[in-house]
């Protein structure tokens, strides 16, 4: 009552001052401006910082992608654990839209424009989702300025109360890509070994890297992963830790694979494992097996000597089966390897570096025992021949169209001529 009285006194004084200056102003105009001012300043005047943050966030709700929303104060307050502004913006955007939808009245509500129960939803959704002008909504709802302002404040307060639950109901956020990203290689020279390992991988779908030195095995695997990524392949990396560093190595391997699947839109396994206290169950591995179908990744598992326990065995079994089905290609690296890895998959990389250390290794990769009289030239020829043989898989060649088949044979003619000349020399 006191507030209305002071507004009336202020209105009379303003009207008198304007009249004295030769300017007339209807009383209704003054009250309309006063109500608009009250609405615009409602959050600060009531000390509600939360309402101010909500208004700012709603102003950026329609943006796509929601970067401004993700960089706003409300997103930082409600989602402090998400560092990516875009992901934070998408989560808050989805939660705000879900909360706005909860403002929609039940089916018992009457006609949209006549039943007051529709006001909160129509005002917030109309202004912030559809982009309707306030004046148009006020006219459509046949509300006075003060009634509209009061309904809007009530709607925003309801929305603010609904928002935390709407955020909790959102699916878990996407996992960070760092969970399955390969580490940077050291830059050591493994070029010849990597090319031959890549050839084995193309031919067998499985390459195993063995080194007595665990760190060197990991570095070779990281170098191979970097090379494959440079060729446009999707690489999913996991490095197992010693038993003292993690109680369940199979669980963490499963989480890394689930993270990679979630980033490609297959969220089921990640949503289950991201729940507090989640532990591997048999059906989790069934989900993994189904999700890997047709994935065409290269999965690199380093530190295989640390993969012990039932969960680790089950995860490796799923990966081995997916590799047999040609759904993925698999690289294993460590100082010990699973028993089902064959000799054809596991060149035992020597610790020695340089041409002297690589030469016997290259010969072993080619299934030939190294001989003391071998020269560097012979090792190079053998390695290049192995690469050529691996590339000319008979099944792949048979699948080529006739014109490509002819071009391939023509490209090999100089090699046949060279072999013939060497035989005659």
Protein backbone atom coordinates (compact mmCIF):
# COMPACT_ATOMS: atom_id res chain seq x y z
CA UNK A 1 0.00 0.00 0.00
CA UNK A 2 2.84 2.35 0.91
CA UNK A 3 4.56 1.47 -2.37
CA UNK A 4 1.39 2.25 -4.34
CA UNK A 5 0.95 5.53 -2.42
CA UNK A 6 4.53 6.64 -3.14
CA UNK A 7 4.08 5.73 -6.80
CA UNK A 8 0.90 7.84 -6.90
CA UNK A 9 2.63 10.82 -5.32
CA UNK A 10 5.53 10.48 -7.73
CA UNK A 11 3.12 10.25 -10.63
CA UNK A 12 1.22 13.37 -9.63
CA UNK A 13 4.46 15.33 -9.18
CA UNK A 14 5.82 14.17 -12.55
CA UNK A 15 2.53 15.01 -14.25
CA UNK A 16 2.48 18.48 -12.69
CA UNK A 17 6.10 19.15 -13.70
CA UNK A 18 5.46 18.07 -17.28
CA UNK A 19 2.28 20.16 -17.46
CA UNK A 20 4.13 23.21 -16.15
CA UNK A 21 6.64 22.78 -18.94
CA UNK A 22 3.91 22.59 -21.53
CA UNK A 23 4.17 18.79 -22.00
CA UNK A 24 1.31 16.46 -21.23
CA UNK A 25 1.65 12.79 -20.34
CA UNK A 26 -1.19 10.36 -19.66
CA UNK A 27 -1.13 8.79 -16.20
CA UNK A 28 -1.26 5.31 -17.80
CA UNK A 29 2.00 5.99 -19.62
CA UNK A 30 3.75 6.77 -16.37
CA UNK A 31 2.54 3.59 -14.68
CA UNK A 32 3.50 1.48 -17.69
CA UNK A 33 7.06 2.87 -17.57
CA UNK A 34 7.27 2.39 -13.83
CA UNK A 35 6.16 -1.26 -14.07
CA UNK A 36 8.64 -1.93 -16.86
CA UNK A 37 11.42 -0.46 -14.70
CA UNK A 38 10.37 -2.65 -11.79
CA UNK A 39 10.44 -5.75 -14.00
CA UNK A 40 13.84 -4.96 -15.47
CA UNK A 41 15.36 -4.32 -12.05
CA UNK A 42 13.47 -7.00 -10.13
CA UNK A 43 16.44 -9.31 -9.61
CA UNK A 44 18.89 -6.70 -8.28
CA UNK A 45 16.25 -4.93 -6.21
CA UNK A 46 15.34 -8.14 -4.39
CA UNK A 47 18.96 -9.10 -4.01
CA UNK A 48 18.42 -12.24 -6.10
CA UNK A 49 21.72 -12.75 -7.88
CA UNK A 50 20.50 -16.16 -8.99
CA UNK A 51 17.61 -14.64 -10.92
CA UNK A 52 20.00 -12.26 -12.62
CA UNK A 53 22.22 -15.17 -13.67
CA UNK A 54 19.18 -17.05 -14.90
CA UNK A 55 18.03 -14.09 -17.01
CA UNK A 56 21.49 -13.81 -18.56
CA UNK A 57 21.55 -17.52 -19.34
CA UNK A 58 18.07 -17.47 -20.86
CA UNK A 59 19.17 -14.62 -23.09
CA UNK A 60 21.74 -16.97 -24.66
CA UNK A 61 19.48 -20.04 -24.70
CA UNK A 62 18.72 -19.98 -28.43
CA UNK A 63 22.37 -19.72 -29.48
CA UNK A 64 23.74 -22.70 -31.42
CA UNK A 65 26.37 -23.77 -30.60
CA UNK A 66 25.78 -22.53 -27.03
CA UNK A 67 29.25 -21.15 -26.39
CA UNK A 68 28.06 -17.95 -24.72
CA UNK A 69 25.79 -20.00 -22.47
CA UNK A 70 28.69 -22.26 -21.53
CA UNK A 71 30.92 -19.29 -20.73
CA UNK A 72 28.27 -17.61 -18.58
CA UNK A 73 28.23 -17.31 -14.82
CA UNK A 74 25.29 -19.69 -14.33
CA UNK A 75 27.06 -22.50 -16.22
CA UNK A 76 30.22 -21.98 -14.19
CA UNK A 77 28.20 -22.04 -10.97
CA UNK A 78 26.13 -25.14 -11.75
CA UNK A 79 28.72 -27.16 -13.72
CA UNK A 80 32.10 -26.46 -12.12
CA UNK A 81 33.46 -29.88 -13.06
CA UNK A 82 33.07 -29.39 -16.81
CA UNK A 83 35.95 -27.38 -18.24
CA UNK A 84 34.87 -27.38 -21.91
CA UNK A 85 32.62 -24.31 -22.51
CA UNK A 86 30.83 -25.98 -25.40
CA UNK A 87 29.99 -29.15 -23.47
CA UNK A 88 29.01 -27.07 -20.44
CA UNK A 89 26.78 -24.93 -22.64
CA UNK A 90 25.08 -27.93 -24.20
CA UNK A 91 24.36 -29.48 -20.80
CA UNK A 92 22.91 -26.26 -19.41
CA UNK A 93 20.93 -25.66 -22.60
CA UNK A 94 19.35 -29.11 -22.40
CA UNK A 95 18.59 -28.67 -18.69
CA UNK A 96 17.00 -25.24 -19.21
CA UNK A 97 14.79 -26.54 -21.99
CA UNK A 98 13.76 -29.52 -19.87
CA UNK A 99 12.93 -27.22 -16.95
CA UNK A 100 10.92 -24.90 -19.22
CA UNK A 101 8.97 -27.91 -20.45
CA UNK A 102 8.08 -28.70 -16.84
CA UNK A 103 6.37 -25.31 -16.63
CA UNK A 104 3.83 -26.58 -19.15
CA UNK A 105 0.56 -27.25 -17.29
CA UNK A 106 -1.10 -30.65 -17.15
CA UNK A 107 -3.74 -31.78 -19.59
CA UNK A 108 -6.38 -30.59 -17.14
CA UNK A 109 -5.56 -26.95 -17.96
CA UNK A 110 -8.06 -25.06 -20.03
CA UNK A 111 -7.57 -23.11 -23.30
CA UNK A 112 -4.08 -21.76 -23.74
CA UNK A 113 -4.92 -18.07 -23.82
CA UNK A 114 -7.67 -18.19 -21.19
CA UNK A 115 -6.34 -20.41 -18.38
CA UNK A 116 -3.84 -18.61 -16.09
CA UNK A 117 -2.01 -21.90 -15.55
CA UNK A 118 -0.50 -21.49 -19.02
CA UNK A 119 1.05 -18.10 -18.29
CA UNK A 120 4.38 -19.18 -16.81
CA UNK A 121 5.14 -21.59 -19.64
CA UNK A 122 3.99 -19.27 -22.43
CA UNK A 123 5.92 -16.28 -21.11
CA UNK A 124 9.26 -18.05 -20.62
CA UNK A 125 9.04 -20.32 -23.67
CA UNK A 126 7.70 -17.49 -25.79
CA UNK A 127 10.36 -14.94 -24.88
CA UNK A 128 13.43 -17.17 -24.61
CA UNK A 129 12.82 -20.16 -26.89
CA UNK A 130 10.58 -18.77 -29.64
CA UNK A 131 11.94 -15.22 -29.46
CA UNK A 132 8.58 -13.47 -29.24
CA UNK A 133 8.59 -9.82 -28.21
CA UNK A 134 7.30 -9.11 -24.71
CA UNK A 135 4.72 -6.63 -26.00
CA UNK A 136 3.30 -9.21 -28.43
CA UNK A 137 3.03 -11.87 -25.73
CA UNK A 138 1.44 -9.44 -23.30
CA UNK A 139 -1.14 -8.49 -25.90
CA UNK A 140 -1.84 -12.12 -26.87
CA UNK A 141 -2.35 -13.07 -23.24
CA UNK A 142 -4.44 -9.95 -22.62
CA UNK A 143 -2.41 -9.04 -19.52
CA UNK A 144 -1.62 -5.69 -18.04
CA UNK A 145 1.99 -4.71 -17.73
CA UNK A 146 2.04 -5.29 -13.99
CA UNK A 147 0.29 -8.66 -14.23
CA UNK A 148 2.65 -9.80 -16.96
CA UNK A 149 5.67 -8.67 -14.91
CA UNK A 150 4.45 -10.48 -11.82
CA UNK A 151 3.74 -13.68 -13.79
CA UNK A 152 7.18 -13.54 -15.39
CA UNK A 153 8.93 -13.18 -12.03
CA UNK A 154 6.97 -16.11 -10.69
CA UNK A 155 7.86 -18.17 -13.76
CA UNK A 156 11.56 -17.42 -13.40
CA UNK A 157 11.50 -18.34 -9.71
CA UNK A 158 9.81 -21.65 -10.56
CA UNK A 159 12.35 -22.25 -13.32
CA UNK A 160 15.23 -21.58 -10.96
CA UNK A 161 13.82 -24.11 -8.50
CA UNK A 162 13.39 -26.75 -11.22
CA UNK A 163 16.83 -26.31 -12.77
CA UNK A 164 18.98 -28.38 -10.33
CA UNK A 165 16.76 -31.44 -10.75
CA UNK A 166 16.71 -30.95 -14.51
CA UNK A 167 20.52 -30.91 -14.52
CA UNK A 168 20.67 -34.07 -12.40
CA UNK A 169 18.32 -35.80 -14.84
CA UNK A 170 20.64 -35.10 -17.76
CA UNK A 171 22.79 -38.01 -19.00
CA UNK A 172 26.35 -38.02 -17.68
CA UNK A 173 28.57 -35.62 -19.62
CA UNK A 174 30.68 -36.89 -22.46
CA UNK A 175 34.00 -38.25 -21.24
CA UNK A 176 37.19 -36.37 -22.06
CA UNK A 177 39.06 -37.65 -25.11
CA UNK A 178 42.18 -37.76 -22.94
CA UNK A 179 40.88 -41.02 -21.45
CA UNK A 180 41.85 -42.87 -24.63
CA UNK A 181 44.29 -40.54 -26.41
CA UNK A 182 47.79 -41.90 -27.16
CA UNK A 183 50.69 -40.17 -25.42
CA UNK A 184 53.18 -38.30 -27.60
CA UNK A 185 56.07 -40.54 -28.73
CA UNK A 186 59.63 -39.74 -27.71
CA UNK A 187 60.76 -39.27 -31.31
CA UNK A 188 63.21 -42.18 -31.21
CA UNK A 189 63.99 -43.85 -34.53
CA UNK A 190 61.69 -46.85 -34.99
CA UNK A 191 60.85 -46.12 -38.63
CA UNK A 192 61.71 -49.51 -40.13
CA UNK A 193 60.12 -51.43 -37.27
CA UNK A 194 56.95 -49.36 -37.45
CA UNK A 195 56.49 -49.90 -41.16
CA UNK A 196 56.86 -53.66 -40.76
CA UNK A 197 54.58 -53.72 -37.73
CA UNK A 198 52.01 -51.77 -39.75
CA UNK A 199 52.31 -54.38 -42.51
CA UNK A 200 51.67 -57.17 -39.99
CA UNK A 201 48.70 -55.21 -38.68
CA UNK A 202 47.24 -54.86 -42.16
CA UNK A 203 47.76 -58.54 -42.90
CA UNK A 204 46.80 -60.12 -39.58
CA UNK A 205 44.71 -57.45 -37.86
CA UNK A 206 46.88 -57.99 -34.78
CA UNK A 207 50.39 -56.76 -34.03
CA UNK A 208 52.19 -57.44 -30.78
CA UNK A 209 55.16 -55.37 -29.65
CA UNK A 210 57.44 -57.05 -27.14
CA UNK A 211 60.35 -55.46 -25.33
CA UNK A 212 62.04 -56.45 -22.11
CA UNK A 213 62.09 -52.73 -21.30
CA UNK A 214 58.47 -51.81 -20.55
CA UNK A 215 58.95 -48.10 -21.23
CA UNK A 216 60.48 -48.80 -24.63
CA UNK A 217 57.59 -51.10 -25.55
CA UNK A 218 55.16 -48.29 -24.66
CA UNK A 219 57.18 -45.78 -26.70
CA UNK A 220 57.18 -48.04 -29.78
CA UNK A 221 53.41 -48.48 -29.41
CA UNK A 222 52.93 -44.72 -29.03
CA UNK A 223 55.03 -44.13 -32.16
CA UNK A 224 52.93 -46.65 -34.08
CA UNK A 225 49.73 -44.99 -32.82
CA UNK A 226 50.96 -41.57 -33.97
CA UNK A 227 51.83 -42.98 -37.39
CA UNK A 228 48.40 -44.58 -37.76
CA UNK A 229 46.65 -41.36 -36.70
CA UNK A 230 48.69 -39.43 -39.25
CA UNK A 231 47.27 -41.79 -41.88
CA UNK A 232 43.72 -40.90 -40.84
CA UNK A 233 42.95 -43.91 -38.69
CA UNK A 234 41.00 -43.79 -35.42
CA UNK A 235 43.23 -44.97 -32.59
CA UNK A 236 41.91 -45.87 -29.14
CA UNK A 237 44.73 -46.06 -26.60
CA UNK A 238 44.95 -47.67 -23.19
CA UNK A 239 47.97 -48.17 -20.96
CA UNK A 240 47.64 -50.53 -18.01
CA UNK A 241 49.32 -49.64 -14.73
CA UNK A 242 51.13 -51.79 -12.16
CA UNK A 243 48.99 -53.55 -9.53
CA UNK A 244 50.00 -51.08 -6.82
CA UNK A 245 48.63 -48.22 -8.94
CA UNK A 246 45.22 -49.69 -9.76
CA UNK A 247 43.23 -52.45 -8.12
CA UNK A 248 41.21 -53.42 -11.22
CA UNK A 249 43.12 -53.00 -14.51
CA UNK A 250 40.25 -54.59 -16.45
CA UNK A 251 37.84 -51.98 -15.14
CA UNK A 252 39.98 -49.10 -16.37
CA UNK A 253 40.42 -50.73 -19.79
CA UNK A 254 36.64 -51.10 -20.02
CA UNK A 255 36.20 -47.42 -19.04
CA UNK A 256 38.65 -46.27 -21.74
CA UNK A 257 36.78 -48.25 -24.41
CA UNK A 258 33.43 -46.99 -23.11
CA UNK A 259 34.72 -43.40 -23.27
CA UNK A 260 35.73 -43.81 -26.91
CA UNK A 261 32.34 -45.30 -27.75
CA UNK A 262 30.52 -42.46 -25.96
CA UNK A 263 32.42 -39.84 -27.95
CA UNK A 264 31.09 -41.51 -31.11
CA UNK A 265 27.49 -41.45 -29.87
CA UNK A 266 27.33 -44.94 -28.31
CA UNK A 267 26.69 -43.86 -24.69
CA UNK A 268 25.12 -46.94 -23.10
CA UNK A 269 28.25 -48.47 -21.60
CA UNK A 270 29.71 -45.11 -20.51
CA UNK A 271 26.49 -44.07 -18.77
CA UNK A 272 26.52 -47.31 -16.78
CA UNK A 273 30.20 -47.18 -15.83
CA UNK A 274 30.13 -43.44 -15.00
CA UNK A 275 27.63 -44.05 -12.20
CA UNK A 276 29.12 -43.81 -8.68
CA UNK A 277 30.42 -47.16 -7.42
CA UNK A 278 29.98 -48.93 -10.75
CA UNK A 279 32.02 -52.12 -11.20
CA UNK A 280 32.34 -54.40 -14.25
CA UNK A 281 29.54 -56.92 -14.74
CA UNK A 282 29.30 -59.73 -17.26
CA UNK A 283 26.64 -57.90 -19.26
CA UNK A 284 28.94 -54.87 -19.59
CA UNK A 285 31.22 -56.95 -21.78
CA UNK A 286 28.21 -58.02 -23.87
CA UNK A 287 27.43 -54.34 -24.46
CA UNK A 288 31.06 -53.74 -25.42
CA UNK A 289 31.11 -56.63 -27.89
CA UNK A 290 27.95 -55.39 -29.61
CA UNK A 291 29.16 -51.78 -29.71
CA UNK A 292 32.50 -52.71 -31.34
CA UNK A 293 30.75 -54.28 -34.32
CA UNK A 294 31.79 -52.48 -37.50
CA UNK A 295 33.76 -49.87 -35.53
CA UNK A 296 36.99 -50.09 -37.61
CA UNK A 297 39.20 -48.69 -34.88
CA UNK A 298 42.78 -49.56 -34.11
CA UNK A 299 42.86 -50.35 -30.39
CA UNK A 300 46.32 -50.11 -28.80
CA UNK A 301 46.73 -51.70 -25.38
CA UNK A 302 50.12 -51.02 -23.77
CA UNK A 303 51.49 -52.47 -20.55
CA UNK A 304 49.86 -55.87 -21.17
CA UNK A 305 51.97 -57.46 -18.43
CA UNK A 306 49.79 -55.58 -15.92
CA UNK A 307 46.45 -56.84 -17.29
CA UNK A 308 45.60 -59.48 -14.73
CA UNK A 309 42.31 -60.66 -13.28
CA UNK A 310 38.96 -61.84 -14.62
CA UNK A 311 37.83 -58.39 -15.80
CA UNK A 312 41.04 -57.85 -17.77
CA UNK A 313 40.79 -61.32 -19.34
CA UNK A 314 37.19 -60.68 -20.38
CA UNK A 315 38.03 -57.29 -21.89
CA UNK A 316 40.91 -58.78 -23.87
CA UNK A 317 38.70 -61.66 -25.02
CA UNK A 318 36.16 -59.17 -26.38
CA UNK A 319 38.91 -57.27 -28.20
CA UNK A 320 40.38 -60.48 -29.61
CA UNK A 321 36.97 -61.59 -30.86
CA UNK A 322 36.30 -58.19 -32.45
CA UNK A 323 39.67 -58.42 -34.17
CA UNK A 324 38.85 -61.92 -35.50
CA UNK A 325 35.61 -60.51 -36.92
CA UNK A 326 37.66 -57.70 -38.54
CA UNK A 327 35.63 -55.11 -36.61
CA UNK A 328 38.82 -53.63 -35.14
CA UNK A 329 42.58 -53.98 -35.43
CA UNK A 330 44.48 -54.66 -32.27
CA UNK A 331 47.97 -53.71 -31.09
CA UNK A 332 49.35 -55.18 -27.87
CA UNK A 333 52.57 -53.95 -26.29
CA UNK A 334 54.43 -54.95 -23.15
CA UNK A 335 57.09 -57.10 -21.59
CA UNK A 336 54.74 -60.09 -21.66
CA UNK A 337 51.83 -60.87 -23.97
CA UNK A 338 48.64 -62.97 -23.76
CA UNK A 339 49.16 -66.68 -24.57
CA UNK A 340 46.86 -66.53 -27.59
CA UNK A 341 49.23 -64.16 -29.41
CA UNK A 342 51.08 -66.17 -32.07
CA UNK A 343 54.63 -65.87 -33.33
CA UNK A 344 53.33 -64.35 -36.55
CA UNK A 345 51.98 -61.41 -34.56
CA UNK A 346 54.83 -60.65 -32.20
CA UNK A 347 58.17 -59.53 -33.54
CA UNK A 348 60.41 -59.30 -30.50
CA UNK A 349 61.93 -55.88 -30.92
CA UNK A 350 65.58 -55.67 -29.88
CA UNK A 351 66.79 -53.04 -27.48
CA UNK A 352 69.71 -52.08 -29.74
CA UNK A 353 69.28 -49.04 -31.94
CA UNK A 354 70.73 -48.15 -35.32
CA UNK A 355 71.39 -50.29 -38.38
CA UNK A 356 73.31 -52.97 -36.47
CA UNK A 357 70.45 -53.49 -34.02
CA UNK A 358 67.66 -53.28 -36.59
CA UNK A 359 69.06 -55.69 -39.16
CA UNK A 360 68.46 -58.99 -37.30
CA UNK A 361 65.07 -57.69 -36.21
CA UNK A 362 64.03 -56.93 -39.78
CA UNK A 363 65.07 -60.40 -40.84
CA UNK A 364 63.07 -61.94 -37.98
CA UNK A 365 59.99 -59.96 -39.03
CA UNK A 366 60.37 -61.49 -42.49
CA UNK A 367 60.45 -64.98 -40.90
CA UNK A 368 64.07 -65.44 -41.86
CA UNK A 369 66.83 -66.11 -39.37
CA UNK A 370 69.48 -63.38 -39.37
CA UNK A 371 72.81 -64.37 -40.88
CA UNK A 372 76.15 -62.80 -39.99
CA UNK A 373 76.97 -62.23 -43.64
CA UNK A 374 73.83 -60.18 -44.28
CA UNK A 375 74.64 -56.67 -45.43
CA UNK A 376 72.57 -53.57 -44.89
CA UNK A 377 71.43 -53.61 -48.53
CA UNK A 378 70.03 -57.12 -48.14
CA UNK A 379 68.12 -56.12 -45.00
CA UNK A 380 66.62 -53.13 -46.78
CA UNK A 381 65.58 -55.21 -49.79
CA UNK A 382 63.97 -57.79 -47.53
CA UNK A 383 62.04 -55.17 -45.59
CA UNK A 384 60.79 -53.50 -48.78
CA UNK A 385 59.82 -56.88 -50.20
CA UNK A 386 57.85 -57.66 -47.04
CA UNK A 387 56.01 -54.36 -47.36
CA UNK A 388 55.17 -55.09 -50.99
CA UNK A 389 53.96 -58.61 -50.23
CA UNK A 390 51.80 -57.34 -47.37
CA UNK A 391 50.28 -54.65 -49.60
CA UNK A 392 49.45 -57.12 -52.39
CA UNK A 393 46.99 -59.23 -50.45
CA UNK A 394 45.48 -61.67 -53.03
CA UNK A 395 41.94 -61.12 -51.78
CA UNK A 396 42.31 -57.36 -52.06
CA UNK A 397 43.82 -57.63 -55.53
CA UNK A 398 41.04 -59.93 -56.74
CA UNK A 399 38.46 -57.41 -55.56
CA UNK A 400 39.93 -54.63 -57.73
CA UNK A 401 38.07 -53.60 -60.88
CA UNK A 402 39.67 -54.95 -64.09
CA UNK A 403 41.25 -51.66 -65.13
CA UNK A 404 42.93 -51.23 -61.72
CA UNK A 405 44.10 -54.83 -61.84
CA UNK A 406 45.77 -54.18 -65.20
CA UNK A 407 47.39 -50.96 -63.92
CA UNK A 408 48.73 -52.84 -60.89
CA UNK A 409 50.35 -55.49 -63.08
CA UNK A 410 51.80 -52.80 -65.32
CA UNK A 411 53.28 -51.09 -62.24
CA UNK A 412 55.00 -54.38 -61.32
CA UNK A 413 56.53 -54.91 -64.77
CA UNK A 414 59.74 -52.96 -63.94
CA UNK A 415 60.23 -55.17 -60.89
CA UNK A 416 59.92 -58.32 -62.99
CA UNK A 417 62.42 -56.92 -65.50
CA UNK A 418 64.86 -56.05 -62.67
CA UNK A 419 64.63 -59.59 -61.24
CA UNK A 420 65.29 -61.06 -64.68
CA UNK A 421 68.35 -58.83 -65.20
CA UNK A 422 69.74 -59.76 -61.78
CA UNK A 423 69.32 -63.44 -62.55
CA UNK A 424 71.27 -63.07 -65.80
CA UNK A 425 74.05 -61.03 -64.18
